[in-house]
Amino acid sequence: MTPKERAIAALTLKQPDQVPTFELEFQLAEEMFGKSLAPGVLHPTEINKLSPLEREHALNKYAEDYVYVYEQLDYAIMPGPYGIGYFRDGKFAPELQFLFKKILELCGGKRMLGYHADGTFSIPDGDAMYDFAYKMADDPDALHQDATNRMNRAIEQNKALADAGVEVGLLCDDYCYNNGPFLSPENFGIFIQPYLAKIIEEAKKAGMYTIKHTDGDIMPIIDQLVDCKPHALHSIDPMAGMDIKLIKEKYGHRVCLAGNVHCAALQTGTDEEVIASAEYCMTHGKPGGGYIFCTSNVPFYGMPAHRYQMILDIWKRMRDY
């Protein structure tokens, strides 16, 4: 099977020949492969400084480096590219459209392309938490209107993503701390769950697969998340006590699981802790299909690259069915 075929099998709760892998983002390209996937001169504030010929050269080089990195990693789903510009005036930035087309052409149909696709409320920052709480109590109609506007924007942007060749919507708004969701389960069911369900439903109609990410302790809202019918749940955060063995037993027949490799151990733990986490995930996530191997967040800047390579080596050793 190709990596893409493995991902589709896992996302549709079938058993591929091997467990697929991917990450929501990969921030160690320079350390591991000498290739930078940061936007650099392609950032929206920089690209207009380039001549048309320089711009074409930079875009082609970025696409080639991007595909090289994800082929070396053997990802079934490639994340991004991010930071190159996004949705403007109802259309994708032309640079992003070019990259989508070029990346998919270079991959030859063997890998899937993912992109951020959420539009729900996530954990508010700082003083915004107070504003959110006051609005929820004093003006819930305005909050629902905001949620509706966000949802509609996400639905339209996801249709454009699908038209541009993106096959996987990565829904990355976070809802949970390590001790539970930022909203009560009741309020989550009022202000987030219906809008998330509609975004997922419409993304599927557009032909996309959906992976819903949230860190933290999702147990108080996991039934609501699963009821939204994403193809996969991502993170299964061990730092918040999420146990992939138990979640697989209870929900693995309804939703693909992705993640659970302990990011904190990768950063500061012992080699033995890293090995134990990766082997536990493969042992309990793998059986019967419906599992994608990855970290519980992303391989982030500053993570020792050899630690990430360590879990990839365990994945390669244990991935065959």
Protein backbone atom coordinates (compact mmCIF):
# COMPACT_ATOMS: atom_id res chain seq x y z
CA MET A 1 0.00 0.00 0.00
CA THR A 2 1.08 3.60 -0.49
CA PRO A 3 1.27 5.91 2.53
CA LYS A 4 -1.94 7.59 1.32
CA GLU A 5 -3.75 4.26 1.09
CA ARG A 6 -2.60 3.42 4.62
CA ALA A 7 -3.91 6.72 5.94
CA ILE A 8 -7.29 6.26 4.27
CA ALA A 9 -7.55 2.74 5.65
CA ALA A 10 -6.79 3.94 9.17
CA LEU A 11 -9.13 6.94 8.92
CA THR A 12 -11.97 4.66 7.79
CA LEU A 13 -11.31 2.15 10.60
CA LYS A 14 -9.80 -0.48 8.35
CA GLN A 15 -6.50 -2.30 8.81
CA PRO A 16 -3.74 -1.31 6.39
CA ASP A 17 -0.58 -3.31 5.78
CA GLN A 18 1.34 -0.92 8.06
CA VAL A 19 0.46 1.70 10.67
CA PRO A 20 0.73 5.14 8.99
CA THR A 21 2.38 8.15 10.60
CA PHE A 22 2.13 11.94 10.35
CA GLU A 23 2.32 15.07 12.52
CA LEU A 24 0.17 18.20 12.67
CA GLU A 25 3.37 20.17 12.15
CA PHE A 26 7.03 19.21 11.87
CA GLN A 27 9.47 21.80 13.22
CA LEU A 28 12.74 19.84 13.08
CA ALA A 29 13.36 19.84 9.33
CA GLU A 30 16.50 21.93 9.57
CA GLU A 31 18.02 19.88 12.39
CA MET A 32 17.24 16.50 10.81
CA PHE A 33 17.55 17.21 7.08
CA GLY A 34 19.20 20.59 6.61
CA LYS A 35 16.01 21.93 5.00
CA SER A 36 14.03 24.83 6.38
CA LEU A 37 10.25 24.68 6.04
CA ALA A 38 9.83 28.11 7.63
CA PRO A 39 8.24 30.51 5.11
CA GLY A 40 11.32 32.76 4.86
CA VAL A 41 11.15 34.90 1.72
CA LEU A 42 7.72 33.40 0.96
CA HIS A 43 6.17 35.05 4.01
CA PRO A 44 3.45 37.53 2.94
CA THR A 45 5.53 40.47 4.22
CA GLU A 46 8.57 39.39 2.19
CA ILE A 47 7.39 37.84 -1.05
CA ASN A 48 6.52 41.12 -2.78
CA LYS A 49 10.19 42.07 -2.58
CA LEU A 50 10.97 39.27 -5.07
CA SER A 51 10.92 39.57 -8.84
CA PRO A 52 8.53 37.17 -10.64
CA LEU A 53 11.48 34.92 -11.56
CA GLU A 54 12.84 34.95 -8.00
CA ARG A 55 9.38 34.18 -6.66
CA GLU A 56 8.94 31.20 -8.99
CA HIS A 57 12.38 29.87 -8.04
CA ALA A 58 11.66 30.26 -4.31
CA LEU A 59 8.28 28.52 -4.59
CA ASN A 60 9.71 25.60 -6.54
CA LYS A 61 12.59 25.19 -4.10
CA TYR A 62 10.22 25.28 -1.13
CA ALA A 63 7.97 22.63 -2.70
CA GLU A 64 10.95 20.39 -3.47
CA ASP A 65 12.37 20.73 0.06
CA TYR A 66 8.93 20.17 1.57
CA VAL A 67 8.32 16.96 -0.35
CA TYR A 68 11.87 15.75 0.33
CA VAL A 69 11.40 16.13 4.09
CA TYR A 70 8.06 14.33 4.22
CA GLU A 71 9.25 11.55 1.93
CA GLN A 72 12.23 11.00 4.23
CA LEU A 73 9.87 10.87 7.20
CA ASP A 74 7.46 8.68 5.22
CA TYR A 75 4.45 10.65 6.40
CA ALA A 76 1.12 9.49 5.03
CA ILE A 77 -0.37 12.98 5.58
CA MET A 78 1.78 16.06 4.99
CA PRO A 79 0.92 19.08 7.17
CA GLY A 80 0.88 22.61 5.84
CA PRO A 81 2.62 24.43 4.25
CA TYR A 82 1.94 27.14 6.82
CA GLY A 83 2.94 30.79 6.98
CA ILE A 84 2.87 31.33 3.20
CA GLY A 85 -0.35 33.37 3.23
CA TYR A 86 -3.86 32.08 3.45
CA PHE A 87 -7.39 33.09 2.51
CA ARG A 88 -7.80 36.62 1.09
CA ASP A 89 -10.87 38.11 -0.56
CA GLY A 90 -12.55 34.73 -0.94
CA LYS A 91 -9.53 33.07 -2.53
CA PHE A 92 -6.33 31.43 -1.43
CA ALA A 93 -3.13 33.38 -1.80
CA PRO A 94 -1.75 32.50 -5.27
CA GLU A 95 1.51 31.35 -3.70
CA LEU A 96 -0.35 28.83 -1.58
CA GLN A 97 -2.37 27.60 -4.56
CA PHE A 98 0.88 27.12 -6.48
CA LEU A 99 2.43 25.17 -3.61
CA PHE A 100 -0.59 22.90 -3.17
CA LYS A 101 -0.48 21.99 -6.87
CA LYS A 102 3.30 21.58 -7.02
CA ILE A 103 3.54 19.52 -3.83
CA LEU A 104 0.81 17.12 -4.93
CA GLU A 105 2.43 16.81 -8.35
CA LEU A 106 5.81 15.97 -6.81
CA CYS A 107 4.20 13.39 -4.51
CA GLY A 108 2.62 11.55 -7.41
CA GLY A 109 -0.53 10.70 -5.47
CA LYS A 110 1.34 8.73 -2.79
CA ARG A 111 0.68 11.06 0.15
CA MET A 112 -2.18 13.20 1.40
CA LEU A 113 -2.03 16.94 2.02
CA GLY A 114 -3.53 18.40 5.17
CA TYR A 115 -4.26 21.95 6.26
CA HIS A 116 -5.75 23.75 9.25
CA ALA A 117 -9.53 23.69 8.87
CA ASP A 118 -11.18 24.50 12.21
CA GLY A 119 -13.52 27.36 12.98
CA THR A 120 -14.79 26.73 16.50
CA PHE A 121 -14.01 28.57 19.72
CA SER A 122 -10.80 27.48 21.40
CA ILE A 123 -9.39 28.23 24.85
CA PRO A 124 -9.34 32.05 25.08
CA ASP A 125 -6.11 33.81 26.01
CA GLY A 126 -5.70 36.10 29.01
CA ASP A 127 -8.40 38.72 29.42
CA ALA A 128 -10.32 37.19 26.51
CA MET A 129 -11.38 34.43 28.91
CA TYR A 130 -13.28 37.00 31.00
CA ASP A 131 -14.87 38.51 27.91
CA PHE A 132 -15.96 35.06 26.75
CA ALA A 133 -17.44 34.18 30.13
CA TYR A 134 -19.32 37.49 30.41
CA LYS A 135 -20.71 37.14 26.91
CA MET A 136 -21.78 33.55 27.57
CA ALA A 137 -23.74 34.73 30.62
CA ASP A 138 -24.98 38.14 29.45
CA ASP A 139 -25.33 37.86 25.68
CA PRO A 140 -25.43 34.24 24.54
CA ASP A 141 -27.14 35.24 21.28
CA ALA A 142 -24.09 37.31 20.31
CA LEU A 143 -21.84 34.37 21.16
CA HIS A 144 -23.94 32.08 18.98
CA GLN A 145 -23.74 34.61 16.14
CA ASP A 146 -19.96 34.70 16.50
CA ALA A 147 -19.86 30.90 16.47
CA THR A 148 -22.06 30.83 13.38
CA ASN A 149 -19.85 33.34 11.55
CA ARG A 150 -16.72 31.35 12.42
CA MET A 151 -18.37 28.13 11.29
CA ASN A 152 -19.49 29.60 7.97
CA ARG A 153 -16.03 30.99 7.25
CA ALA A 154 -14.48 27.60 8.00
CA ILE A 155 -16.99 25.80 5.78
CA GLU A 156 -16.28 28.09 2.83
CA GLN A 157 -12.53 27.95 3.32
CA ASN A 158 -12.62 24.18 3.59
CA LYS A 159 -14.51 23.95 0.30
CA ALA A 160 -11.74 26.04 -1.26
CA LEU A 161 -9.11 23.82 0.37
CA ALA A 162 -10.76 20.73 -1.10
CA ASP A 163 -10.95 22.36 -4.53
CA ALA A 164 -7.22 23.13 -4.26
CA GLY A 165 -6.40 19.46 -3.62
CA VAL A 166 -6.22 19.37 0.19
CA GLU A 167 -7.62 16.04 1.33
CA VAL A 168 -7.37 16.24 5.12
CA GLY A 169 -8.85 18.97 7.28
CA LEU A 170 -6.81 19.38 10.47
CA LEU A 171 -9.20 20.85 13.03
CA CYS A 172 -6.81 22.28 15.60
CA ASP A 173 -8.78 24.46 18.01
CA ASP A 174 -7.91 23.39 21.57
CA TYR A 175 -10.64 22.88 24.17
CA CYS A 176 -8.99 21.27 27.18
CA TYR A 177 -6.45 21.80 29.93
CA ASN A 178 -4.80 18.90 31.71
CA ASN A 179 -7.66 18.94 34.22
CA GLY A 180 -10.54 19.13 31.73
CA PRO A 181 -12.23 21.39 29.15
CA PHE A 182 -12.34 25.18 29.49
CA LEU A 183 -16.14 24.95 29.26
CA SER A 184 -18.44 22.69 31.21
CA PRO A 185 -19.67 19.73 29.15
CA GLU A 186 -23.12 21.37 29.09
CA ASN A 187 -21.82 24.65 27.69
CA PHE A 188 -19.50 22.82 25.31
CA GLY A 189 -22.61 21.14 23.94
CA ILE A 190 -24.25 24.54 23.45
CA PHE A 191 -21.49 26.79 22.12
CA ILE A 192 -19.05 24.45 20.37
CA GLN A 193 -20.27 20.93 19.62
CA PRO A 194 -23.06 21.78 17.14
CA TYR A 195 -20.75 24.07 15.17
CA LEU A 196 -17.91 21.54 15.14
CA ALA A 197 -20.31 18.85 13.93
CA LYS A 198 -21.46 21.07 11.06
CA ILE A 199 -17.91 21.96 10.02
CA ILE A 200 -17.01 18.27 9.94
CA GLU A 201 -20.20 17.35 8.06
CA GLU A 202 -19.58 19.97 5.38
CA ALA A 203 -15.89 19.12 5.07
CA LYS A 204 -16.87 15.52 4.39
CA LYS A 205 -19.37 16.65 1.76
CA ALA A 206 -16.51 18.54 0.10
CA GLY A 207 -14.53 15.31 -0.05
CA MET A 208 -12.16 15.84 2.87
CA TYR A 209 -11.13 13.57 5.69
CA THR A 210 -11.15 15.23 9.11
CA ILE A 211 -8.82 14.94 12.10
CA LYS A 212 -9.96 16.73 15.24
CA HIS A 213 -7.12 17.84 17.52
CA THR A 214 -7.31 19.02 21.08
CA ASP A 215 -4.78 18.67 23.87
CA GLY A 216 -5.67 18.00 27.47
CA ASP A 217 -8.17 15.86 29.35
CA ILE A 218 -10.96 15.27 26.84
CA MET A 219 -12.83 12.66 28.87
CA PRO A 220 -15.66 14.97 30.03
CA ILE A 221 -16.44 15.83 26.37
CA ILE A 222 -15.12 12.83 24.44
CA ASP A 223 -18.60 11.49 23.70
CA GLN A 224 -19.57 14.84 22.21
CA LEU A 225 -16.38 14.91 20.12
CA VAL A 226 -16.98 11.40 18.80
CA ASP A 227 -20.62 12.26 18.08
CA CYS A 228 -19.35 14.99 15.71
CA LYS A 229 -18.07 12.09 13.57
CA PRO A 230 -14.54 13.22 12.72
CA HIS A 231 -12.53 10.53 11.00
CA ALA A 232 -9.90 10.75 13.76
CA LEU A 233 -9.22 12.23 17.19
CA HIS A 234 -5.72 13.59 17.63
CA SER A 235 -3.52 14.08 20.65
CA ILE A 236 -4.92 11.53 23.15
CA ASP A 237 -2.72 13.54 25.50
CA PRO A 238 -0.80 11.36 27.99
CA MET A 239 0.27 14.47 29.94
CA ALA A 240 -3.43 14.85 30.80
CA GLY A 241 -3.79 11.17 31.70
CA MET A 242 -5.23 10.00 28.39
CA ASP A 243 -4.59 6.25 28.00
CA ILE A 244 -4.78 5.05 24.43
CA LYS A 245 -5.46 1.49 25.57
CA LEU A 246 -8.66 2.49 27.37
CA ILE A 247 -9.80 4.94 24.70
CA LYS A 248 -9.16 2.38 21.95
CA GLU A 249 -11.23 -0.20 23.83
CA LYS A 250 -14.16 2.17 24.30
CA TYR A 251 -14.11 4.28 21.12
CA GLY A 252 -11.83 2.56 18.61
CA HIS A 253 -14.79 1.08 16.74
CA ARG A 254 -16.18 4.59 16.13
CA VAL A 255 -13.19 6.84 15.46
CA CYS A 256 -9.57 6.52 14.37
CA LEU A 257 -7.06 7.52 17.06
CA ALA A 258 -3.88 9.50 16.39
CA GLY A 259 -1.15 10.35 18.85
CA ASN A 260 -0.44 9.57 22.52
CA VAL A 261 3.37 9.48 22.25
CA HIS A 262 4.48 11.55 25.26
CA CYS A 263 5.86 14.93 24.10
CA ALA A 264 7.20 15.91 27.53
CA ALA A 265 9.18 12.66 27.66
CA LEU A 266 10.58 13.41 24.21
CA GLN A 267 11.77 16.79 25.51
CA THR A 268 12.96 16.08 29.05
CA GLY A 269 12.44 12.39 29.85
CA THR A 270 14.85 9.49 29.70
CA ASP A 271 15.41 7.35 26.63
CA GLU A 272 13.68 4.54 28.47
CA GLU A 273 10.57 6.68 29.01
CA VAL A 274 10.49 7.67 25.35
CA ILE A 275 10.83 4.06 24.21
CA ALA A 276 8.15 2.90 26.66
CA SER A 277 5.68 5.55 25.47
CA ALA A 278 6.16 4.79 21.77
CA GLU A 279 5.96 1.03 22.28
CA TYR A 280 2.83 1.40 24.44
CA CYS A 281 1.12 3.42 21.71
CA MET A 282 1.97 0.90 19.02
CA THR A 283 0.99 -2.03 21.19
CA HIS A 284 -2.44 -0.67 22.12
CA GLY A 285 -3.30 1.70 19.26
CA LYS A 286 -2.36 -0.62 16.41
CA PRO A 287 -4.60 -3.71 16.78
CA GLY A 288 -7.32 -3.96 14.15
CA GLY A 289 -6.38 -0.74 12.36
CA GLY A 290 -7.84 2.70 13.01
CA TYR A 291 -4.60 4.11 14.44
CA ILE A 292 -2.11 6.69 13.17
CA PHE A 293 1.20 6.85 15.02
CA CYS A 294 2.32 10.33 16.10
CA THR A 295 3.24 12.48 19.06
CA SER A 296 0.68 13.97 21.41
CA ASN A 297 1.40 17.42 19.99
CA VAL A 298 4.10 18.10 17.37
CA PRO A 299 7.87 17.62 17.04
CA PHE A 300 8.55 21.20 18.14
CA TYR A 301 11.57 23.50 17.97
CA GLY A 302 14.02 22.56 20.71
CA MET A 303 13.00 18.92 20.93
CA PRO A 304 16.15 16.79 20.59
CA ALA A 305 16.04 15.50 17.03
CA HIS A 306 17.55 12.15 18.02
CA ARG A 307 14.59 11.62 20.37
CA TYR A 308 12.13 12.04 17.54
CA GLN A 309 14.21 9.72 15.38
CA MET A 310 14.07 7.21 18.22
CA ILE A 311 10.27 6.98 18.10
CA LEU A 312 10.33 6.79 14.30
CA ASP A 313 12.66 3.81 14.59
CA ILE A 314 10.22 2.13 16.99
CA TRP A 315 7.36 2.86 14.58
CA LYS A 316 9.32 1.25 11.71
CA ARG A 317 10.08 -1.78 13.84
CA MET A 318 6.48 -2.30 14.94
CA ARG A 319 4.38 -0.90 12.08
CA ASP A 320 3.71 -4.09 10.06
CA TYR A 321 0.41 -5.88 10.59
